Amino acid sequence: MEYQVRAARITDVERIVALWSAAAPTATSTAREAADLLRQLVYLPQASVLVAEATRTIAGVAVLALRTSVRSGGFVGTVDLFVVDPDRDVEQLTGLLAEEVLRSARNKGCAIVEMAAPAEGASLAAWEQLGFTAAGPRIEFLLPVRRARTGRS
């Protein structure tokens, strides 16, 4: 099946929350709180809300939020939410969404992309194949730093 990854629209929020609720029924925030926050994130430049869809059905979602970090020397992109429909091609969807998250992070000037480490060992191996490395309770991907020239010597 062919999937399309794109920026989420405000009209996708309810379907995103439904997918997330089905995949993580023990989540701490309520569906209404999550929907309200996602509606805001869709429009914020310091976040990227991405969806993967096939035949107009959302099959996966990723939320990248930016924060500044002195230790990292710039922005850190945190993958706050990453959910893939388990009834779909999980490996393909994970790869497509991760690729788009990394592209978005590069475009926004991130030095690192981090996320909570996956619970299962098999999932961790898949993320390591994408270039992420273990870093304590999370995994991270170091992006090459591109510094703008100032024109000064």
C-alpha atoms as a PDB file:
ATOM      1  CA  MET A   1       0.000   0.000   0.000  1.00  0.00           C
ATOM      2  CA  GLU A   2       1.219   3.507  -0.732  1.00  0.00           C
ATOM      3  CA  TYR A   3       1.209   6.042   2.076  1.00  0.00           C
ATOM      4  CA  GLN A   4       1.413   9.812   1.839  1.00  0.00           C
ATOM      5  CA  VAL A   5       3.038  11.800   4.643  1.00  0.00           C
ATOM      6  CA  ARG A   6       1.949  15.412   4.969  1.00  0.00           C
ATOM      7  CA  ALA A   7       1.505  18.208   7.462  1.00  0.00           C
ATOM      8  CA  ALA A   8      -1.649  17.772   9.492  1.00  0.00           C
ATOM      9  CA  ARG A   9      -4.602  20.064   9.012  1.00  0.00           C
ATOM     10  CA  ILE A  10      -7.020  21.233  11.650  1.00  0.00           C
ATOM     11  CA  THR A  11      -9.624  18.874  10.168  1.00  0.00           C
ATOM     12  CA  ASP A  12      -7.342  15.894  10.968  1.00  0.00           C
ATOM     13  CA  VAL A  13      -7.274  16.475  14.718  1.00  0.00           C
ATOM     14  CA  GLU A  14     -10.230  14.280  15.661  1.00  0.00           C
ATOM     15  CA  ARG A  15      -8.910  11.369  13.569  1.00  0.00           C
ATOM     16  CA  ILE A  16      -5.434  11.803  15.087  1.00  0.00           C
ATOM     17  CA  VAL A  17      -6.871  11.673  18.599  1.00  0.00           C
ATOM     18  CA  ALA A  18      -8.922   8.595  17.717  1.00  0.00           C
ATOM     19  CA  LEU A  19      -5.830   6.767  16.426  1.00  0.00           C
ATOM     20  CA  TRP A  20      -3.792   7.808  19.465  1.00  0.00           C
ATOM     21  CA  SER A  21      -6.540   6.835  21.903  1.00  0.00           C
ATOM     22  CA  ALA A  22      -6.835   3.394  20.331  1.00  0.00           C
ATOM     23  CA  ALA A  23      -3.058   2.851  20.413  1.00  0.00           C
ATOM     24  CA  ALA A  24      -2.448   4.285  23.907  1.00  0.00           C
ATOM     25  CA  PRO A  25      -5.578   3.842  26.023  1.00  0.00           C
ATOM     26  CA  THR A  26      -3.596   4.591  29.212  1.00  0.00           C
ATOM     27  CA  ALA A  27      -2.466   8.064  28.100  1.00  0.00           C
ATOM     28  CA  THR A  28      -2.521  10.692  30.830  1.00  0.00           C
ATOM     29  CA  SER A  29      -4.270  13.473  28.931  1.00  0.00           C
ATOM     30  CA  THR A  30      -7.891  13.208  27.929  1.00  0.00           C
ATOM     31  CA  ALA A  31      -8.958  13.134  24.295  1.00  0.00           C
ATOM     32  CA  ARG A  32     -10.423  16.608  24.612  1.00  0.00           C
ATOM     33  CA  GLU A  33      -7.214  18.061  26.100  1.00  0.00           C
ATOM     34  CA  ALA A  34      -5.140  16.356  23.404  1.00  0.00           C
ATOM     35  CA  ALA A  35      -7.396  17.669  20.646  1.00  0.00           C
ATOM     36  CA  ASP A  36      -7.218  21.221  21.993  1.00  0.00           C
ATOM     37  CA  LEU A  37      -3.431  21.117  22.144  1.00  0.00           C
ATOM     38  CA  LEU A  38      -3.111  19.536  18.687  1.00  0.00           C
ATOM     39  CA  ARG A  39      -5.288  22.280  17.192  1.00  0.00           C
ATOM     40  CA  GLN A  40      -2.781  24.816  18.507  1.00  0.00           C
ATOM     41  CA  LEU A  41       0.285  22.842  17.421  1.00  0.00           C
ATOM     42  CA  VAL A  42      -0.941  22.566  13.834  1.00  0.00           C
ATOM     43  CA  TYR A  43      -0.370  26.319  13.452  1.00  0.00           C
ATOM     44  CA  LEU A  44       2.763  26.868  15.580  1.00  0.00           C
ATOM     45  CA  PRO A  45       6.111  27.254  13.791  1.00  0.00           C
ATOM     46  CA  GLN A  46       7.972  25.570  16.668  1.00  0.00           C
ATOM     47  CA  ALA A  47       6.095  22.316  16.113  1.00  0.00           C
ATOM     48  CA  SER A  48       5.352  19.917  13.270  1.00  0.00           C
ATOM     49  CA  VAL A  49       2.303  17.691  13.291  1.00  0.00           C
ATOM     50  CA  LEU A  50       2.619  15.073  10.552  1.00  0.00           C
ATOM     51  CA  VAL A  51       0.195  12.410   9.402  1.00  0.00           C
ATOM     52  CA  ALA A  52       0.620   9.385   7.189  1.00  0.00           C
ATOM     53  CA  GLU A  53      -2.468   8.407   5.289  1.00  0.00           C
ATOM     54  CA  ALA A  54      -3.678   5.896   2.749  1.00  0.00           C
ATOM     55  CA  THR A  55      -7.007   6.114   0.993  1.00  0.00           C
ATOM     56  CA  ARG A  56      -7.870   9.170   3.096  1.00  0.00           C
ATOM     57  CA  THR A  57      -7.467   7.221   6.328  1.00  0.00           C
ATOM     58  CA  ILE A  58      -4.882   8.326   8.862  1.00  0.00           C
ATOM     59  CA  ALA A  59      -2.534   5.427   9.532  1.00  0.00           C
ATOM     60  CA  GLY A  60       0.123   7.213  11.583  1.00  0.00           C
ATOM     61  CA  VAL A  61       0.979  10.484  13.297  1.00  0.00           C
ATOM     62  CA  ALA A  62       4.104  12.165  14.600  1.00  0.00           C
ATOM     63  CA  VAL A  63       4.406  15.379  16.599  1.00  0.00           C
ATOM     64  CA  LEU A  64       7.758  17.174  16.708  1.00  0.00           C
ATOM     65  CA  ALA A  65       8.138  20.010  19.230  1.00  0.00           C
ATOM     66  CA  LEU A  66      11.164  22.319  19.344  1.00  0.00           C
ATOM     67  CA  ARG A  67      12.977  23.660  22.367  1.00  0.00           C
ATOM     68  CA  THR A  68      16.220  25.549  22.734  1.00  0.00           C
ATOM     69  CA  SER A  69      19.210  23.898  24.360  1.00  0.00           C
ATOM     70  CA  VAL A  70      22.456  25.508  25.393  1.00  0.00           C
ATOM     71  CA  ARG A  71      24.024  22.072  25.908  1.00  0.00           C
ATOM     72  CA  SER A  72      23.174  21.021  22.349  1.00  0.00           C
ATOM     73  CA  GLY A  73      24.077  24.353  20.792  1.00  0.00           C
ATOM     74  CA  GLY A  74      20.732  25.150  19.243  1.00  0.00           C
ATOM     75  CA  PHE A  75      17.310  23.628  18.922  1.00  0.00           C
ATOM     76  CA  VAL A  76      16.352  20.149  20.060  1.00  0.00           C
ATOM     77  CA  GLY A  77      13.414  18.505  18.337  1.00  0.00           C
ATOM     78  CA  THR A  78      11.449  16.251  20.663  1.00  0.00           C
ATOM     79  CA  VAL A  79       9.165  13.654  19.133  1.00  0.00           C
ATOM     80  CA  ASP A  80       6.355  14.002  21.626  1.00  0.00           C
ATOM     81  CA  LEU A  81       3.905  11.680  19.914  1.00  0.00           C
ATOM     82  CA  PHE A  82       4.570   8.890  17.430  1.00  0.00           C
ATOM     83  CA  VAL A  83       1.720   6.478  16.735  1.00  0.00           C
ATOM     84  CA  VAL A  84       1.252   3.999  13.909  1.00  0.00           C
ATOM     85  CA  ASP A  85      -1.858   1.906  13.323  1.00  0.00           C
ATOM     86  CA  PRO A  86      -0.813  -1.666  14.268  1.00  0.00           C
ATOM     87  CA  ASP A  87      -3.113  -3.081  11.563  1.00  0.00           C
ATOM     88  CA  ARG A  88      -1.011  -1.384   8.855  1.00  0.00           C
ATOM     89  CA  ASP A  89       2.560  -1.875   7.634  1.00  0.00           C
ATOM     90  CA  VAL A  90       4.183  -0.629  10.857  1.00  0.00           C
ATOM     91  CA  GLU A  91       7.758  -0.809   9.576  1.00  0.00           C
ATOM     92  CA  GLN A  92       7.010   1.156   6.395  1.00  0.00           C
ATOM     93  CA  LEU A  93       4.932   3.773   8.227  1.00  0.00           C
ATOM     94  CA  THR A  94       7.569   4.188  10.926  1.00  0.00           C
ATOM     95  CA  GLY A  95      10.256   4.737   8.299  1.00  0.00           C
ATOM     96  CA  LEU A  96       8.198   7.237   6.310  1.00  0.00           C
ATOM     97  CA  LEU A  97       7.125   9.261   9.346  1.00  0.00           C
ATOM     98  CA  ALA A  98      10.630   9.207  10.881  1.00  0.00           C
ATOM     99  CA  GLU A  99      12.142  10.409   7.601  1.00  0.00           C
ATOM    100  CA  GLU A 100       9.701  13.313   7.448  1.00  0.00           C
ATOM    101  CA  VAL A 101      10.266  14.181  11.128  1.00  0.00           C
ATOM    102  CA  LEU A 102      14.024  14.343  10.508  1.00  0.00           C
ATOM    103  CA  ARG A 103      13.543  16.468   7.387  1.00  0.00           C
ATOM    104  CA  SER A 104      11.313  18.867   9.300  1.00  0.00           C
ATOM    105  CA  ALA A 105      13.823  19.031  12.169  1.00  0.00           C
ATOM    106  CA  ARG A 106      16.665  19.835   9.761  1.00  0.00           C
ATOM    107  CA  ASN A 107      14.580  22.568   8.123  1.00  0.00           C
ATOM    108  CA  LYS A 108      13.829  24.089  11.529  1.00  0.00           C
ATOM    109  CA  GLY A 109      17.532  24.152  12.496  1.00  0.00           C
ATOM    110  CA  CYS A 110      17.610  21.339  15.041  1.00  0.00           C
ATOM    111  CA  ALA A 111      20.923  19.899  16.221  1.00  0.00           C
ATOM    112  CA  ILE A 112      19.326  16.809  17.810  1.00  0.00           C
ATOM    113  CA  VAL A 113      16.065  14.922  17.523  1.00  0.00           C
ATOM    114  CA  GLU A 114      15.096  12.931  20.598  1.00  0.00           C
ATOM    115  CA  MET A 115      12.228  10.771  21.763  1.00  0.00           C
ATOM    116  CA  ALA A 116      11.412   8.329  24.529  1.00  0.00           C
ATOM    117  CA  ALA A 117      13.031   4.963  23.903  1.00  0.00           C
ATOM    118  CA  PRO A 118      10.634   2.347  22.532  1.00  0.00           C
ATOM    119  CA  ALA A 119       9.515  -0.253  25.057  1.00  0.00           C
ATOM    120  CA  GLU A 120      10.153  -3.346  22.949  1.00  0.00           C
ATOM    121  CA  GLY A 121      13.655  -4.461  21.905  1.00  0.00           C
ATOM    122  CA  ALA A 122      12.545  -5.092  18.315  1.00  0.00           C
ATOM    123  CA  SER A 123      11.293  -1.513  17.991  1.00  0.00           C
ATOM    124  CA  LEU A 124      14.587  -0.157  19.296  1.00  0.00           C
ATOM    125  CA  ALA A 125      16.469  -2.071  16.598  1.00  0.00           C
ATOM    126  CA  ALA A 126      14.214  -0.532  13.940  1.00  0.00           C
ATOM    127  CA  TRP A 127      14.927   2.974  15.271  1.00  0.00           C
ATOM    128  CA  GLU A 128      18.662   2.238  15.381  1.00  0.00           C
ATOM    129  CA  GLN A 129      18.480   1.264  11.692  1.00  0.00           C
ATOM    130  CA  LEU A 130      17.052   4.738  11.051  1.00  0.00           C
ATOM    131  CA  GLY A 131      20.130   6.294  12.708  1.00  0.00           C
ATOM    132  CA  PHE A 132      18.918   6.855  16.272  1.00  0.00           C
ATOM    133  CA  THR A 133      21.143   5.848  19.184  1.00  0.00           C
ATOM    134  CA  ALA A 134      20.356   5.042  22.798  1.00  0.00           C
ATOM    135  CA  ALA A 135      20.911   7.972  25.171  1.00  0.00           C
ATOM    136  CA  GLY A 136      19.721   6.948  28.630  1.00  0.00           C
ATOM    137  CA  PRO A 137      15.928   6.747  28.836  1.00  0.00           C
ATOM    138  CA  ARG A 138      15.572   8.171  25.335  1.00  0.00           C
ATOM    139  CA  ILE A 139      17.002   7.735  21.870  1.00  0.00           C
ATOM    140  CA  GLU A 140      18.427  10.553  19.782  1.00  0.00           C
ATOM    141  CA  PHE A 141      19.528  11.411  16.266  1.00  0.00           C
ATOM    142  CA  LEU A 142      22.361  13.914  15.823  1.00  0.00           C
ATOM    143  CA  LEU A 143      21.741  16.212  12.874  1.00  0.00           C
ATOM    144  CA  PRO A 144      24.604  17.894  11.044  1.00  0.00           C
ATOM    145  CA  VAL A 145      24.886  21.533  12.072  1.00  0.00           C
ATOM    146  CA  ARG A 146      24.650  24.126   9.297  1.00  0.00           C
ATOM    147  CA  ARG A 147      25.718  27.525  10.476  1.00  0.00           C
ATOM    148  CA  ALA A 148      24.874  30.658   8.498  1.00  0.00           C
ATOM    149  CA  ARG A 149      27.738  32.873   7.408  1.00  0.00           C
ATOM    150  CA  THR A 150      27.712  36.321   8.937  1.00  0.00           C
ATOM    151  CA  GLY A 151      29.946  37.943   6.348  1.00  0.00           C
ATOM    152  CA  ARG A 152      32.442  38.966   9.039  1.00  0.00           C
ATOM    153  CA  SER A 153      36.059  37.805   9.126  1.00  0.00           C
END
